[in-house]
């Protein structure tokens, strides 16, 4: 089953978009201003795949819901990657803000009739 298959889950395609975006953003830090070829290539390919998969998701999910999930989950995963890979630290208010983002994504997915179920 391909990502563009009408029988595939929009959440699966959205998950691929999120992971590709997280990889691209993490590589962006490593690209040193797009001066390092391999990380820069990962950035371009990762963002390309991410936006392609996001566009497929929008075939069956409202833009507002898909983008809220894509950006919210992406923020959390990028924060985790920055902590693990680049050893970046967060203070209490930053952690609280990220927790609110997670709560917002959960509210959309659990309570909203706009989300694709």
N, C-alpha and C. Protein backbone atom coordinates (compact mmCIF):
# COMPACT_ATOMS: atom_id res chain seq x y z
N UNK A 1 0.85 -1.17 0.00
CA UNK A 1 0.00 0.00 0.00
C UNK A 1 0.90 1.24 0.00
N UNK A 2 0.69 2.13 -0.95
CA UNK A 2 1.51 3.34 -1.03
C UNK A 2 0.93 4.42 -0.13
N UNK A 3 1.74 5.46 0.13
CA UNK A 3 1.27 6.55 0.97
C UNK A 3 0.08 7.28 0.37
N UNK A 4 -0.04 7.26 -0.95
CA UNK A 4 -1.13 7.98 -1.59
C UNK A 4 -2.36 7.11 -1.80
N UNK A 5 -2.32 5.87 -1.35
CA UNK A 5 -3.44 4.97 -1.51
C UNK A 5 -4.66 5.47 -0.74
N UNK A 6 -5.84 5.43 -1.36
CA UNK A 6 -7.04 5.89 -0.67
C UNK A 6 -7.39 5.05 0.55
N UNK A 7 -6.84 3.83 0.64
CA UNK A 7 -7.15 2.99 1.79
C UNK A 7 -6.17 3.19 2.94
N UNK A 8 -5.09 3.93 2.70
CA UNK A 8 -4.14 4.14 3.79
C UNK A 8 -4.69 5.18 4.76
N UNK A 9 -4.26 5.09 5.98
CA UNK A 9 -4.72 6.00 7.03
C UNK A 9 -4.09 7.37 6.84
N UNK A 10 -4.88 8.44 6.95
CA UNK A 10 -4.28 9.77 6.89
C UNK A 10 -3.32 9.99 8.05
N UNK A 11 -3.54 9.28 9.16
CA UNK A 11 -2.64 9.42 10.30
C UNK A 11 -1.27 8.80 10.02
N UNK A 12 -1.24 7.72 9.25
CA UNK A 12 0.04 7.12 8.87
C UNK A 12 0.83 8.07 7.97
N UNK A 13 0.16 8.63 6.99
CA UNK A 13 0.81 9.59 6.09
C UNK A 13 1.26 10.82 6.86
N UNK A 14 0.44 11.28 7.78
CA UNK A 14 0.80 12.43 8.61
C UNK A 14 2.00 12.10 9.49
N UNK A 15 2.06 10.88 10.01
CA UNK A 15 3.20 10.47 10.83
C UNK A 15 4.50 10.49 10.02
N UNK A 16 4.44 10.04 8.78
CA UNK A 16 5.62 10.09 7.92
C UNK A 16 6.02 11.55 7.69
N UNK A 17 5.04 12.42 7.47
CA UNK A 17 5.33 13.85 7.28
C UNK A 17 6.01 14.43 8.51
N UNK A 18 5.54 14.07 9.68
CA UNK A 18 6.10 14.59 10.93
C UNK A 18 7.54 14.09 11.11
N UNK A 19 7.76 12.81 10.93
CA UNK A 19 9.10 12.25 11.12
C UNK A 19 10.09 12.86 10.12
N UNK A 20 9.66 13.02 8.87
CA UNK A 20 10.54 13.62 7.86
C UNK A 20 10.87 15.06 8.23
N UNK A 21 9.90 15.79 8.75
CA UNK A 21 10.13 17.18 9.15
C UNK A 21 11.07 17.26 10.34
N UNK A 22 10.93 16.36 11.29
CA UNK A 22 11.81 16.33 12.46
C UNK A 22 13.25 16.02 12.03
N UNK A 23 13.41 15.06 11.15
CA UNK A 23 14.75 14.73 10.66
C UNK A 23 15.34 15.93 9.92
N UNK A 24 14.55 16.57 9.07
CA UNK A 24 15.04 17.73 8.31
C UNK A 24 15.42 18.88 9.23
N UNK A 25 14.61 19.16 10.22
CA UNK A 25 14.90 20.28 11.13
C UNK A 25 16.13 19.98 11.98
N UNK A 26 16.28 18.74 12.41
CA UNK A 26 17.46 18.37 13.18
C UNK A 26 18.71 18.50 12.31
N UNK A 27 18.61 18.08 11.05
CA UNK A 27 19.74 18.21 10.12
C UNK A 27 20.03 19.68 9.81
N UNK A 28 19.01 20.53 9.88
CA UNK A 28 19.22 21.95 9.62
C UNK A 28 20.21 22.54 10.60
N UNK A 29 20.11 22.16 11.86
CA UNK A 29 21.07 22.61 12.87
C UNK A 29 22.47 22.09 12.52
N UNK A 30 22.54 20.84 12.09
CA UNK A 30 23.83 20.23 11.76
C UNK A 30 24.42 20.74 10.44
N UNK A 31 23.60 21.39 9.61
CA UNK A 31 24.08 21.84 8.30
C UNK A 31 24.97 23.07 8.38
N UNK A 32 25.01 23.70 9.55
CA UNK A 32 25.86 24.88 9.75
C UNK A 32 25.59 25.94 8.69
N UNK A 33 24.31 26.36 8.64
CA UNK A 33 23.94 27.39 7.67
C UNK A 33 23.92 26.89 6.25
N UNK A 34 23.62 25.61 6.06
CA UNK A 34 23.57 24.95 4.76
C UNK A 34 24.94 24.93 4.08
N UNK A 35 26.01 24.95 4.88
CA UNK A 35 27.36 24.90 4.32
C UNK A 35 27.94 23.49 4.31
N UNK A 36 27.31 22.56 5.02
CA UNK A 36 27.76 21.16 5.03
C UNK A 36 26.82 20.37 4.12
N UNK A 37 27.39 19.72 3.12
CA UNK A 37 26.62 19.14 2.03
C UNK A 37 25.66 18.03 2.49
N UNK A 38 26.14 17.06 3.23
CA UNK A 38 25.27 15.93 3.61
C UNK A 38 24.09 16.38 4.47
N UNK A 39 24.32 17.14 5.55
CA UNK A 39 23.15 17.60 6.31
C UNK A 39 22.22 18.50 5.48
N UNK A 40 22.78 19.32 4.59
CA UNK A 40 21.95 20.18 3.75
C UNK A 40 21.08 19.34 2.81
N UNK A 41 21.63 18.26 2.29
CA UNK A 41 20.86 17.36 1.44
C UNK A 41 19.73 16.69 2.23
N UNK A 42 20.01 16.29 3.46
CA UNK A 42 18.98 15.71 4.33
C UNK A 42 17.87 16.74 4.58
N UNK A 43 18.23 17.99 4.77
CA UNK A 43 17.25 19.06 4.98
C UNK A 43 16.31 19.16 3.78
N UNK A 44 16.87 19.27 2.60
CA UNK A 44 16.06 19.46 1.39
C UNK A 44 15.16 18.24 1.14
N UNK A 45 15.72 17.05 1.22
CA UNK A 45 14.93 15.84 0.99
C UNK A 45 13.88 15.63 2.08
N UNK A 46 14.27 15.90 3.33
CA UNK A 46 13.33 15.72 4.44
C UNK A 46 12.14 16.66 4.36
N UNK A 47 12.41 17.93 4.08
CA UNK A 47 11.30 18.88 3.96
C UNK A 47 10.44 18.56 2.74
N UNK A 48 11.08 18.13 1.65
CA UNK A 48 10.31 17.77 0.46
C UNK A 48 9.35 16.62 0.74
N UNK A 49 9.86 15.56 1.38
CA UNK A 49 9.01 14.42 1.73
C UNK A 49 7.94 14.83 2.73
N UNK A 50 8.31 15.66 3.68
CA UNK A 50 7.35 16.09 4.69
C UNK A 50 6.17 16.83 4.07
N UNK A 51 6.46 17.80 3.22
CA UNK A 51 5.37 18.57 2.61
C UNK A 51 4.56 17.74 1.63
N UNK A 52 5.21 16.81 0.94
CA UNK A 52 4.47 15.92 0.05
C UNK A 52 3.48 15.08 0.85
N UNK A 53 3.95 14.47 1.94
CA UNK A 53 3.05 13.64 2.76
C UNK A 53 1.97 14.48 3.43
N UNK A 54 2.32 15.68 3.85
CA UNK A 54 1.30 16.56 4.43
C UNK A 54 0.23 16.88 3.39
N UNK A 55 0.64 17.11 2.15
CA UNK A 55 -0.34 17.40 1.09
C UNK A 55 -1.26 16.21 0.86
N UNK A 56 -0.73 14.99 0.96
CA UNK A 56 -1.58 13.80 0.82
C UNK A 56 -2.57 13.69 1.98
N UNK A 57 -2.12 14.04 3.16
CA UNK A 57 -2.99 14.00 4.34
C UNK A 57 -4.17 14.94 4.17
N UNK A 58 -3.92 16.08 3.53
CA UNK A 58 -4.98 17.08 3.38
C UNK A 58 -6.09 16.65 2.44
N UNK A 59 -5.90 15.53 1.75
CA UNK A 59 -6.98 14.99 0.92
C UNK A 59 -8.15 14.50 1.77
N UNK A 60 -7.86 14.06 2.98
CA UNK A 60 -8.92 13.46 3.80
C UNK A 60 -9.01 14.02 5.21
N UNK A 61 -8.25 15.05 5.50
CA UNK A 61 -8.27 15.65 6.84
C UNK A 61 -8.29 17.17 6.68
N UNK A 62 -9.07 17.86 7.51
CA UNK A 62 -9.08 19.33 7.42
C UNK A 62 -7.68 19.91 7.66
N UNK A 63 -7.36 20.96 6.92
CA UNK A 63 -6.05 21.59 7.03
C UNK A 63 -5.74 22.00 8.46
N UNK A 64 -6.71 22.59 9.15
CA UNK A 64 -6.45 23.08 10.51
C UNK A 64 -6.08 21.94 11.45
N UNK A 65 -6.75 20.83 11.33
CA UNK A 65 -6.47 19.68 12.20
C UNK A 65 -5.13 19.05 11.84
N UNK A 66 -4.90 18.82 10.57
CA UNK A 66 -3.64 18.21 10.13
C UNK A 66 -2.45 19.08 10.53
N UNK A 67 -2.57 20.37 10.32
CA UNK A 67 -1.45 21.26 10.64
C UNK A 67 -1.23 21.36 12.15
N UNK A 68 -2.30 21.36 12.92
CA UNK A 68 -2.16 21.41 14.38
C UNK A 68 -1.42 20.17 14.88
N UNK A 69 -1.78 19.02 14.36
CA UNK A 69 -1.11 17.78 14.76
C UNK A 69 0.32 17.77 14.26
N UNK A 70 0.52 18.12 12.99
CA UNK A 70 1.86 18.13 12.38
C UNK A 70 2.80 19.05 13.15
N UNK A 71 2.36 20.24 13.41
CA UNK A 71 3.24 21.20 14.09
C UNK A 71 3.40 20.86 15.57
N UNK A 72 2.32 20.47 16.23
CA UNK A 72 2.40 20.17 17.66
C UNK A 72 3.28 18.97 17.98
N UNK A 73 3.03 17.87 17.29
CA UNK A 73 3.85 16.68 17.51
C UNK A 73 5.28 16.94 17.04
N UNK A 74 5.41 17.68 15.94
CA UNK A 74 6.74 18.02 15.45
C UNK A 74 7.55 18.82 16.45
N UNK A 75 6.92 19.79 17.11
CA UNK A 75 7.61 20.60 18.12
C UNK A 75 8.13 19.71 19.25
N UNK A 76 7.29 18.82 19.70
CA UNK A 76 7.69 17.94 20.80
C UNK A 76 8.85 17.03 20.37
N UNK A 77 8.75 16.43 19.20
CA UNK A 77 9.80 15.52 18.74
C UNK A 77 11.10 16.26 18.41
N UNK A 78 10.99 17.47 17.86
CA UNK A 78 12.20 18.25 17.58
C UNK A 78 12.88 18.65 18.89
N UNK A 79 12.08 18.99 19.88
CA UNK A 79 12.64 19.33 21.19
C UNK A 79 13.38 18.13 21.77
N UNK A 80 12.78 16.96 21.66
CA UNK A 80 13.43 15.74 22.15
C UNK A 80 14.72 15.46 21.37
N UNK A 81 14.68 15.61 20.05
CA UNK A 81 15.88 15.39 19.23
C UNK A 81 16.97 16.40 19.58
N UNK A 82 16.60 17.66 19.79
CA UNK A 82 17.59 18.68 20.14
C UNK A 82 18.23 18.37 21.48
N UNK A 83 17.44 17.83 22.40
CA UNK A 83 17.97 17.46 23.71
C UNK A 83 18.93 16.27 23.58
N UNK A 84 18.53 15.25 22.81
CA UNK A 84 19.35 14.05 22.69
C UNK A 84 20.57 14.23 21.79
N UNK A 85 20.41 14.92 20.68
CA UNK A 85 21.48 15.01 19.68
C UNK A 85 22.38 16.22 19.90
N UNK A 86 21.77 17.38 20.16
CA UNK A 86 22.54 18.61 20.28
C UNK A 86 22.73 19.06 21.73
N UNK A 87 22.24 18.27 22.67
CA UNK A 87 22.41 18.51 24.10
C UNK A 87 21.85 19.87 24.54
N UNK A 88 20.74 20.27 23.94
CA UNK A 88 20.08 21.51 24.31
C UNK A 88 19.15 21.25 25.49
N UNK A 89 19.07 22.20 26.39
CA UNK A 89 18.27 22.06 27.61
C UNK A 89 17.08 23.03 27.60
N UNK A 90 16.03 22.67 28.33
CA UNK A 90 14.85 23.51 28.47
C UNK A 90 14.64 23.86 29.93
N UNK A 91 14.09 25.05 30.16
CA UNK A 91 13.73 25.42 31.53
C UNK A 91 12.26 25.04 31.79
N UNK A 92 11.82 25.25 33.01
CA UNK A 92 10.46 24.88 33.41
C UNK A 92 9.36 25.47 32.54
N UNK A 93 9.39 26.79 32.28
CA UNK A 93 8.33 27.35 31.43
C UNK A 93 8.30 26.74 30.02
N UNK A 94 9.45 26.41 29.46
CA UNK A 94 9.48 25.78 28.14
C UNK A 94 8.84 24.39 28.19
N UNK A 95 9.14 23.64 29.22
CA UNK A 95 8.54 22.31 29.38
C UNK A 95 7.03 22.44 29.56
N UNK A 96 6.59 23.41 30.35
CA UNK A 96 5.16 23.63 30.56
C UNK A 96 4.47 24.00 29.24
N UNK A 97 5.10 24.83 28.45
CA UNK A 97 4.53 25.21 27.16
C UNK A 97 4.40 24.02 26.22
N UNK A 98 5.40 23.17 26.20
CA UNK A 98 5.34 21.98 25.36
C UNK A 98 4.26 21.03 25.86
N UNK A 99 4.09 20.93 27.17
CA UNK A 99 3.01 20.10 27.71
C UNK A 99 1.65 20.62 27.27
N UNK A 100 1.49 21.93 27.20
CA UNK A 100 0.23 22.51 26.72
C UNK A 100 0.00 22.19 25.24
N UNK A 101 1.06 22.18 24.46
CA UNK A 101 0.94 21.80 23.05
C UNK A 101 0.46 20.36 22.93
N UNK A 102 1.06 19.47 23.71
CA UNK A 102 0.64 18.06 23.71
C UNK A 102 -0.82 17.95 24.12
N UNK A 103 -1.22 18.70 25.14
CA UNK A 103 -2.62 18.68 25.58
C UNK A 103 -3.55 19.14 24.46
N UNK A 104 -3.14 20.15 23.73
CA UNK A 104 -3.96 20.64 22.62
C UNK A 104 -4.13 19.61 21.52
N UNK A 105 -3.07 18.92 21.18
CA UNK A 105 -3.15 17.87 20.16
C UNK A 105 -4.06 16.74 20.64
N UNK A 106 -3.96 16.38 21.91
CA UNK A 106 -4.84 15.34 22.46
C UNK A 106 -6.30 15.76 22.43
N UNK A 107 -6.59 17.01 22.78
CA UNK A 107 -7.97 17.50 22.76
C UNK A 107 -8.54 17.41 21.34
N UNK A 108 -7.76 17.82 20.35
CA UNK A 108 -8.22 17.74 18.97
C UNK A 108 -8.54 16.30 18.59
N UNK A 109 -7.64 15.39 18.91
CA UNK A 109 -7.82 14.00 18.48
C UNK A 109 -8.88 13.25 19.26
N UNK A 110 -9.08 13.61 20.51
CA UNK A 110 -10.05 12.88 21.33
C UNK A 110 -11.45 13.47 21.21
N UNK A 111 -11.56 14.79 21.20
CA UNK A 111 -12.87 15.43 21.30
C UNK A 111 -13.39 16.09 20.04
N UNK A 112 -12.56 16.37 19.08
CA UNK A 112 -13.01 17.10 17.89
C UNK A 112 -13.62 16.16 16.87
N UNK A 113 -14.76 16.55 16.35
CA UNK A 113 -15.36 15.77 15.26
C UNK A 113 -14.73 16.14 13.92
N UNK A 114 -13.86 17.14 13.91
CA UNK A 114 -13.17 17.54 12.67
C UNK A 114 -12.03 16.60 12.31
N UNK A 115 -11.47 15.92 13.31
CA UNK A 115 -10.34 15.02 13.06
C UNK A 115 -10.82 13.80 12.28
N UNK A 116 -9.96 13.29 11.42
CA UNK A 116 -10.31 12.09 10.62
C UNK A 116 -10.19 10.86 11.51
N UNK A 117 -11.29 10.20 11.75
CA UNK A 117 -11.29 9.01 12.62
C UNK A 117 -11.65 7.80 11.82
